[in-house]
Amino acid sequence: MRRASAFCCTCYISTKLAFAILPGILPIAVSAASAAPAETYTSKAGVRFRVVEMAKGLSHPWSLAFLPGGDMLVTERPGRLRLIRDGRLQSEAIAGTPKVYVRAQGGLFDVVPHPKFSENHLLYLSYFAEGRSGTGIEVMRARLDGGSLAEGKVIFRAEPTMQGNYNLGSRLLFLPDGTMLITVGDRFTTRDEAQNLANDLGKIVRLKDDGSIPDDNPFQGKPGAKPEIFAYGTRNSQGLALRPGTSEIWEHEHGPRGGDEVNILKAGANYGWPKITYGIDYDGSIISSKKELPGMEQPVVYWVPSIAPSGMAFYSGDKFPNWKGDLFVGALKLTHLRRLKLDGQKVTEQEILLESMDERIRDVRSGPDGFLYLLTDESNGRLLRLEPAGS
């Protein structure tokens, strides 16, 4: 199994391999029709499934999105947006993507369609950008017009920009009311700023679909607080998911050495980082002696040692009845898919799947077709589909 660097074990990146393919040159990719035969697995709960390779040759894919009509979009961290149509990865990347700053963990991240995409064809992209005063997370809105993006507009820039390329967050999620959440990491060297409401570092931001700030945000009108903040005290969140049939917003984040967390987000809540943590620093030193403090939320579950979570989805399909309602989380450092069985808001069972593949799972999505989809974060990354394999 691959090992993480001492500097940032939960988000290890092989930069030598990651950018061997230049942003302007597409890697070779294959569709499921010419991919390797599907492998079959049996979970400890007796669920038999096969893993079908839909595409390979992707350069560190980060996010997967489903469009009406069956098309899929995949972001590649070096800056490309790829289209999968009729089960085949198209050779040409979608034009008009923003200029991204590709260093260490930085690059092109999430892609989500507008809730009314079938009417307005709007997409939202999060990415790492460089400005005159440093780097930071940005979100661009653009209209998908055939094979290109048009009318691109930056609707959010995290403040402050600064030097450093780690703990960036950058997941996006539309809520039922049409507003959007954006995760912004603490940027590693400025972890204490996660408790400072005067900036976006270590925060969950909530905006309207045009980038304006909702009137009912919890810190709207509070002196010294940025009005876009929805929740704070987070470290490096790379997972957001709505629990089907509820209003619950589930979030996960990387801890340092240990202390990865799954939380349920509440407006105005403080999730404690770095005042409370179940992890220690990378050099073994104590970040905080406290695991609980008044006014700070406790996680639903945490992991020691770190699994390095990325991507998260509640399974809502009908292909796997035994998994209905379960929460699935990708693991980067420990290279597996983690299944969490829930009773209300309590985790009653955890299962490790696909550990033998030894691939970093970057994104997890429950597809509209009832299958479960994964992206592997590799220089030769893959789009995989989990299908029932029968008895």
Protein backbone atom coordinates (compact mmCIF):
# COMPACT_ATOMS: atom_id res chain seq x y z
CA MET A 1 0.00 0.00 0.00
CA ARG A 2 1.24 3.47 -0.85
CA ARG A 3 2.38 5.65 2.04
CA ALA A 4 1.71 9.32 2.66
CA SER A 5 4.30 12.03 2.97
CA ALA A 6 5.28 13.18 6.44
CA PHE A 7 4.14 16.71 5.60
CA CYS A 8 0.49 16.05 4.91
CA CYS A 9 -0.34 12.40 5.28
CA THR A 10 -4.07 12.71 4.68
CA CYS A 11 -3.74 14.38 1.28
CA TYR A 12 -0.65 12.77 -0.20
CA ILE A 13 0.01 13.69 -3.81
CA SER A 14 2.68 12.37 -6.10
CA THR A 15 3.40 15.66 -7.83
CA LYS A 16 5.97 14.03 -10.11
CA LEU A 17 3.26 11.80 -11.57
CA ALA A 18 0.34 14.17 -11.17
CA PHE A 19 1.49 16.68 -13.73
CA ALA A 20 3.51 14.58 -16.12
CA ILE A 21 0.63 15.32 -18.52
CA LEU A 22 0.45 19.02 -19.32
CA PRO A 23 -2.90 20.80 -18.95
CA GLY A 24 -3.22 21.40 -22.67
CA ILE A 25 -2.60 17.78 -23.68
CA LEU A 26 -5.25 15.13 -23.12
CA PRO A 27 -4.22 11.71 -21.83
CA ILE A 28 -5.32 8.56 -23.61
CA ALA A 29 -8.63 7.36 -22.21
CA VAL A 30 -10.81 4.36 -22.93
CA SER A 31 -14.52 3.74 -22.52
CA ALA A 32 -16.11 0.81 -20.74
CA ALA A 33 -16.47 -0.95 -24.07
CA SER A 34 -12.70 -1.47 -24.30
CA ALA A 35 -11.91 -1.53 -20.58
CA ALA A 36 -10.64 -4.44 -18.52
CA PRO A 37 -13.15 -7.14 -17.45
CA ALA A 38 -15.20 -6.26 -14.40
CA GLU A 39 -13.98 -7.63 -11.07
CA THR A 40 -16.48 -9.17 -8.65
CA TYR A 41 -16.46 -8.65 -4.89
CA THR A 42 -18.52 -9.87 -1.94
CA SER A 43 -18.99 -7.60 1.07
CA LYS A 44 -18.96 -9.00 4.58
CA ALA A 45 -22.69 -8.35 4.64
CA GLY A 46 -23.07 -10.71 1.66
CA VAL A 47 -23.64 -8.07 -1.04
CA ARG A 48 -22.08 -9.27 -4.30
CA PHE A 49 -21.09 -6.54 -6.72
CA ARG A 50 -18.84 -6.00 -9.68
CA VAL A 51 -16.68 -2.98 -10.46
CA VAL A 52 -17.04 -1.85 -14.07
CA GLU A 53 -14.37 0.46 -15.47
CA MET A 54 -16.20 3.21 -17.34
CA ALA A 55 -13.09 5.19 -18.27
CA LYS A 56 -9.38 5.34 -17.49
CA GLY A 57 -6.48 7.61 -18.40
CA LEU A 58 -7.92 10.51 -16.39
CA SER A 59 -5.33 12.78 -14.77
CA HIS A 60 -6.22 12.97 -11.06
CA PRO A 61 -9.99 13.24 -11.51
CA TRP A 62 -11.61 15.13 -8.63
CA SER A 63 -15.37 15.36 -9.13
CA LEU A 64 -18.20 13.66 -11.00
CA ALA A 65 -21.55 15.22 -11.91
CA PHE A 66 -24.63 13.80 -13.66
CA LEU A 67 -26.57 15.81 -16.23
CA PRO A 68 -30.14 15.32 -17.47
CA GLY A 69 -30.22 12.92 -20.40
CA GLY A 70 -27.42 10.68 -19.15
CA ASP A 71 -24.28 12.75 -19.79
CA MET A 72 -21.64 12.91 -17.05
CA LEU A 73 -18.93 15.47 -16.32
CA VAL A 74 -15.55 14.79 -14.70
CA THR A 75 -13.04 17.38 -13.53
CA GLU A 76 -9.31 16.67 -13.77
CA ARG A 77 -7.15 18.52 -11.29
CA PRO A 78 -4.71 19.85 -13.92
CA GLY A 79 -7.60 22.00 -15.20
CA ARG A 80 -9.72 20.01 -17.65
CA LEU A 81 -13.45 19.33 -17.69
CA ARG A 82 -14.32 16.08 -19.46
CA LEU A 83 -17.59 14.83 -20.92
CA ILE A 84 -18.81 11.23 -20.82
CA ARG A 85 -21.60 10.58 -23.34
CA ASP A 86 -23.26 7.23 -24.04
CA GLY A 87 -20.79 5.62 -21.64
CA ARG A 88 -17.75 6.90 -23.54
CA LEU A 89 -15.21 9.48 -22.49
CA GLN A 90 -15.05 12.12 -25.22
CA SER A 91 -11.61 12.88 -26.60
CA GLU A 92 -11.99 16.66 -26.52
CA ALA A 93 -12.07 18.49 -23.19
CA ILE A 94 -14.78 21.12 -22.70
CA ALA A 95 -13.38 24.55 -23.55
CA GLY A 96 -13.72 27.70 -21.49
CA THR A 97 -12.72 26.37 -18.07
CA PRO A 98 -11.10 28.88 -15.69
CA LYS A 99 -7.36 29.33 -15.37
CA VAL A 100 -6.32 27.25 -12.39
CA TYR A 101 -3.19 27.26 -10.24
CA VAL A 102 -1.89 23.70 -10.35
CA ARG A 103 0.48 23.16 -7.44
CA ALA A 104 0.59 20.42 -4.75
CA GLN A 105 -3.10 19.96 -3.80
CA GLY A 106 -4.25 22.84 -6.01
CA GLY A 107 -6.07 22.70 -9.33
CA LEU A 108 -9.61 22.25 -10.68
CA PHE A 109 -11.92 20.71 -8.08
CA ASP A 110 -15.68 20.34 -7.92
CA VAL A 111 -18.33 20.62 -10.62
CA VAL A 112 -22.07 20.79 -9.88
CA PRO A 113 -24.98 21.58 -12.20
CA HIS A 114 -27.58 24.17 -11.23
CA PRO A 115 -30.75 22.55 -9.81
CA LYS A 116 -32.55 23.87 -12.91
CA PHE A 117 -29.80 22.86 -15.32
CA SER A 118 -32.28 21.48 -17.85
CA GLU A 119 -33.62 25.04 -18.20
CA ASN A 120 -30.53 27.25 -17.83
CA HIS A 121 -27.55 24.90 -18.54
CA LEU A 122 -25.55 26.52 -15.72
CA LEU A 123 -22.54 24.80 -14.14
CA TYR A 124 -20.50 25.75 -11.09
CA LEU A 125 -16.77 25.00 -10.84
CA SER A 126 -14.54 25.38 -7.79
CA TYR A 127 -10.80 25.72 -8.28
CA PHE A 128 -7.52 27.07 -6.94
CA ALA A 129 -6.54 30.42 -8.48
CA GLU A 130 -3.55 32.75 -8.31
CA GLY A 131 -3.89 36.50 -7.90
CA ARG A 132 -1.53 39.38 -7.27
CA SER A 133 -1.61 38.90 -3.50
CA GLY A 134 -1.55 35.11 -3.37
CA THR A 135 -3.70 32.07 -4.05
CA GLY A 136 -7.20 31.12 -3.00
CA ILE A 137 -10.38 29.19 -3.73
CA GLU A 138 -12.72 30.60 -6.36
CA VAL A 139 -16.08 29.48 -7.76
CA MET A 140 -17.08 30.21 -11.35
CA ARG A 141 -20.56 30.00 -12.85
CA ALA A 142 -20.84 29.36 -16.60
CA ARG A 143 -23.33 28.11 -19.15
CA LEU A 144 -22.59 24.82 -20.89
CA ASP A 145 -23.01 25.48 -24.61
CA GLY A 146 -22.21 22.37 -26.61
CA GLY A 147 -18.52 21.61 -26.11
CA SER A 148 -17.60 24.80 -24.28
CA LEU A 149 -18.44 27.01 -21.33
CA ALA A 150 -19.84 30.46 -22.05
CA GLU A 151 -20.53 33.57 -19.99
CA GLY A 152 -18.13 32.49 -17.25
CA LYS A 153 -18.30 34.65 -14.13
CA VAL A 154 -16.46 34.34 -10.82
CA ILE A 155 -19.15 34.46 -8.11
CA PHE A 156 -16.93 33.78 -5.08
CA ARG A 157 -13.33 34.43 -4.04
CA ALA A 158 -12.28 33.20 -0.61
CA GLU A 159 -10.56 35.82 1.52
CA PRO A 160 -7.78 36.29 2.30
CA THR A 161 -5.59 35.04 -0.52
CA MET A 162 -2.18 33.90 0.67
CA GLN A 163 0.81 31.68 -0.03
CA GLY A 164 0.52 27.91 0.41
CA ASN A 165 -1.11 25.05 -1.49
CA TYR A 166 -2.57 22.78 1.19
CA ASN A 167 -5.88 22.25 3.05
CA LEU A 168 -8.03 23.85 0.38
CA GLY A 169 -11.45 22.22 0.84
CA SER A 170 -13.51 23.22 -2.22
CA ARG A 171 -16.58 20.94 -2.23
CA LEU A 172 -19.87 22.39 -3.48
CA LEU A 173 -23.45 21.43 -2.65
CA PHE A 174 -26.80 22.90 -3.65
CA LEU A 175 -29.43 22.90 -0.90
CA PRO A 176 -33.18 22.40 -1.43
CA ASP A 177 -33.79 26.15 -1.10
CA GLY A 178 -31.54 26.82 -4.11
CA THR A 179 -28.59 28.20 -2.12
CA MET A 180 -25.13 26.69 -2.40
CA LEU A 181 -22.56 25.63 0.18
CA ILE A 182 -18.81 26.00 -0.46
CA THR A 183 -16.14 24.47 1.78
CA VAL A 184 -12.97 26.52 2.31
CA GLY A 185 -9.97 24.91 4.02
CA ASP A 186 -7.85 26.44 6.76
CA ARG A 187 -4.80 26.60 4.42
CA PHE A 188 -2.66 24.50 6.83
CA THR A 189 -0.33 27.19 8.21
CA THR A 190 -3.21 29.40 9.39
CA ARG A 191 -5.30 26.84 11.25
CA ASP A 192 -6.22 29.22 14.10
CA GLU A 193 -8.12 31.35 11.56
CA ALA A 194 -10.81 28.66 11.43
CA GLN A 195 -12.13 30.27 14.65
CA ASN A 196 -11.97 33.81 13.25
CA LEU A 197 -15.26 34.93 11.72
CA ALA A 198 -13.54 37.83 9.94
CA ASN A 199 -12.29 35.60 7.11
CA ASP A 200 -13.30 32.56 5.04
CA LEU A 201 -10.53 30.19 6.18
CA GLY A 202 -11.78 26.97 7.77
CA LYS A 203 -15.39 27.86 7.00
CA ILE A 204 -18.50 26.61 5.23
CA VAL A 205 -19.85 29.42 3.05
CA ARG A 206 -23.47 29.77 1.86
CA LEU A 207 -24.43 31.84 -1.20
CA LYS A 208 -27.31 32.31 -3.59
CA ASP A 209 -26.88 30.86 -7.07
CA ASP A 210 -25.66 34.23 -8.40
CA GLY A 211 -23.05 34.64 -5.66
CA SER A 212 -25.04 37.08 -3.54
CA ILE A 213 -25.44 36.50 0.20
CA PRO A 214 -28.72 35.14 1.62
CA ASP A 215 -30.46 37.41 4.11
CA ASP A 216 -30.94 34.53 6.56
CA ASN A 217 -27.27 33.54 6.84
CA PRO A 218 -26.44 33.14 10.55
CA PHE A 219 -23.79 35.89 10.71
CA GLN A 220 -25.52 38.37 8.43
CA GLY A 221 -25.26 41.78 10.10
CA LYS A 222 -22.94 40.66 12.89
CA PRO A 223 -20.07 43.16 13.34
CA GLY A 224 -16.67 41.71 12.47
CA ALA A 225 -18.09 38.58 10.83
CA LYS A 226 -18.21 37.79 7.13
CA PRO A 227 -21.87 37.46 6.17
CA GLU A 228 -21.30 34.55 3.77
CA ILE A 229 -20.26 32.19 6.60
CA PHE A 230 -22.71 29.35 7.36
CA ALA A 231 -20.57 27.33 9.80
CA TYR A 232 -16.98 27.48 11.05
CA GLY A 233 -14.20 25.67 12.87
CA THR A 234 -13.57 23.18 10.07
CA ARG A 235 -10.18 22.08 8.77
CA ASN A 236 -10.22 20.68 5.24
CA SER A 237 -13.64 19.53 4.12
CA GLN A 238 -13.85 17.46 0.94
CA GLY A 239 -17.24 15.85 1.45
CA LEU A 240 -20.78 17.28 1.47
CA ALA A 241 -24.05 15.37 1.08
CA LEU A 242 -27.75 15.86 1.73
CA ARG A 243 -29.38 12.93 3.47
CA PRO A 244 -32.35 11.85 1.34
CA GLY A 245 -35.76 12.49 2.88
CA THR A 246 -34.35 14.90 5.48
CA SER A 247 -32.93 18.41 5.75
CA GLU A 248 -29.65 17.06 7.20
CA ILE A 249 -26.41 18.32 5.64
CA TRP A 250 -23.55 15.89 6.25
CA GLU A 251 -19.93 17.02 5.97
CA HIS A 252 -16.59 15.33 6.44
CA GLU A 253 -13.12 16.75 6.82
CA HIS A 254 -9.49 15.73 7.06
CA GLY A 255 -7.94 15.78 10.49
CA PRO A 256 -4.17 16.08 10.94
CA ARG A 257 -2.64 12.77 12.17
CA GLY A 258 -5.93 11.21 13.15
CA GLY A 259 -9.16 13.01 13.84
CA ASP A 260 -10.89 12.85 10.45
CA GLU A 261 -14.53 13.75 11.16
CA VAL A 262 -18.05 13.29 9.83
CA ASN A 263 -20.36 16.08 11.01
CA ILE A 264 -23.94 17.22 10.57
CA LEU A 265 -23.88 20.90 9.64
CA LYS A 266 -26.06 23.43 11.43
CA ALA A 267 -26.33 27.13 10.66
CA GLY A 268 -23.97 29.16 12.83
CA ALA A 269 -22.37 26.11 14.48
CA ASN A 270 -18.72 25.88 15.52
CA TYR A 271 -17.05 22.55 14.75
CA GLY A 272 -14.11 23.24 16.98
CA TRP A 273 -10.96 23.12 14.86
CA PRO A 274 -8.28 23.62 16.16
CA LYS A 275 -9.57 24.24 19.71
CA ILE A 276 -10.76 20.64 19.92
CA THR A 277 -9.52 17.66 17.90
CA TYR A 278 -9.08 13.91 18.08
CA GLY A 279 -5.82 14.15 16.15
CA ILE A 280 -2.25 15.27 16.76
CA ASP A 281 0.14 17.27 14.60
CA TYR A 282 2.26 15.64 11.92
CA ASP A 283 5.39 15.87 14.06
CA GLY A 284 3.61 14.17 16.95
CA SER A 285 3.06 17.34 18.98
CA ILE A 286 -0.25 18.17 20.68
CA ILE A 287 -2.50 20.61 18.82
CA SER A 288 -5.05 20.74 21.61
CA SER A 289 -5.49 18.73 24.79
CA LYS A 290 -9.26 19.18 24.44
CA LYS A 291 -11.64 16.90 22.59
CA GLU A 292 -14.76 18.72 23.79
CA LEU A 293 -15.57 22.31 24.74
CA PRO A 294 -18.88 24.07 25.42
CA GLY A 295 -20.49 25.56 22.33
CA MET A 296 -18.54 23.31 19.93
CA GLU A 297 -20.08 20.45 17.99
CA GLN A 298 -19.05 16.82 18.30
CA PRO A 299 -18.62 14.64 15.19
CA VAL A 300 -21.00 11.82 14.31
CA VAL A 301 -17.91 9.65 13.91
CA TYR A 302 -14.16 10.21 13.75
CA TRP A 303 -11.22 8.12 12.59
CA VAL A 304 -7.88 7.52 14.29
CA PRO A 305 -5.69 6.83 12.38
CA SER A 306 -6.81 9.02 9.48
CA ILE A 307 -8.42 7.44 6.45
CA ALA A 308 -8.18 10.76 4.52
CA PRO A 309 -11.83 11.07 3.45
CA SER A 310 -12.82 12.58 0.10
CA GLY A 311 -16.16 12.41 -1.63
CA MET A 312 -19.32 11.29 0.13
CA ALA A 313 -22.76 10.09 -0.90
CA PHE A 314 -25.85 8.55 0.60
CA TYR A 315 -26.88 5.59 -1.49
CA SER A 316 -30.41 6.32 -2.68
CA GLY A 317 -30.82 3.86 -5.56
CA ASP A 318 -32.69 0.57 -5.91
CA LYS A 319 -29.93 -1.65 -7.32
CA PHE A 320 -28.53 -2.46 -3.86
CA PRO A 321 -31.48 -2.78 -1.45
CA ASN A 322 -29.21 -3.75 1.45
CA TRP A 323 -27.27 -0.47 1.05
CA LYS A 324 -30.30 1.82 0.84
CA GLY A 325 -29.68 4.87 3.04
CA ASP A 326 -26.07 3.94 3.83
CA LEU A 327 -23.36 6.58 3.72
CA PHE A 328 -20.35 5.94 1.47
CA VAL A 329 -17.03 7.77 1.89
CA GLY A 330 -13.90 7.56 -0.27
CA ALA A 331 -10.56 7.05 1.47
CA LEU A 332 -7.37 8.49 -0.01
CA LYS A 333 -4.64 7.49 2.42
CA LEU A 334 -6.12 4.08 3.27
CA THR A 335 -7.23 3.45 -0.33
CA HIS A 336 -10.71 2.01 0.08
CA LEU A 337 -14.42 2.75 0.00
CA ARG A 338 -15.96 3.06 3.48
CA ARG A 339 -19.62 2.10 4.05
CA LEU A 340 -21.37 3.49 7.14
CA LYS A 341 -24.64 1.97 8.35
CA LEU A 342 -26.79 4.46 10.24
CA ASP A 343 -29.50 4.32 12.86
CA GLY A 344 -30.84 7.85 12.94
CA GLN A 345 -27.72 10.00 13.33
CA LYS A 346 -25.65 7.22 14.88
CA VAL A 347 -23.15 5.04 13.00
CA THR A 348 -23.89 1.42 13.91
CA GLU A 349 -21.57 -0.37 11.48
CA GLN A 350 -18.61 0.35 9.25
CA GLU A 351 -17.38 -1.76 6.38
CA ILE A 352 -14.22 -1.44 4.26
CA LEU A 353 -14.76 -2.18 0.57
CA LEU A 354 -12.34 -2.40 -2.40
CA GLU A 355 -9.22 -2.30 -0.22
CA SER A 356 -7.53 -4.83 -2.50
CA MET A 357 -7.69 -2.34 -5.42
CA ASP A 358 -5.18 -0.15 -3.52
CA GLU A 359 -6.42 3.02 -5.25
CA ARG A 360 -7.16 6.43 -3.75
CA ILE A 361 -10.92 7.04 -3.88
CA ARG A 362 -11.48 10.75 -4.53
CA ASP A 363 -15.20 11.03 -5.26
CA VAL A 364 -18.30 8.94 -4.54
CA ARG A 365 -21.70 9.53 -6.15
CA SER A 366 -25.05 7.76 -6.09
CA GLY A 367 -26.11 7.78 -9.74
CA PRO A 368 -29.61 8.50 -11.04
CA ASP A 369 -29.52 5.02 -12.61
CA GLY A 370 -29.26 3.37 -9.19
CA PHE A 371 -25.57 2.46 -9.46
CA LEU A 372 -22.74 3.75 -7.27
CA TYR A 373 -19.91 5.66 -8.99
CA LEU A 374 -16.31 6.28 -7.91
CA LEU A 375 -13.34 8.30 -9.12
CA THR A 376 -9.79 7.18 -8.34
CA ASP A 377 -7.22 9.90 -7.67
CA GLU A 378 -4.31 8.62 -9.73
CA SER A 379 -2.20 9.89 -12.63
CA ASN A 380 -4.05 7.17 -14.58
CA GLY A 381 -7.33 7.79 -12.77
CA ARG A 382 -10.47 5.80 -13.42
CA LEU A 383 -14.24 6.23 -13.39
CA LEU A 384 -15.78 3.11 -11.87
CA ARG A 385 -19.35 1.88 -11.55
CA LEU A 386 -20.51 -0.57 -8.90
CA GLU A 387 -23.21 -2.94 -10.16
CA PRO A 388 -24.98 -5.91 -8.53
CA ALA A 389 -23.32 -9.21 -9.42
CA GLY A 390 -26.19 -11.53 -8.54
CA SER A 391 -26.09 -14.47 -6.15
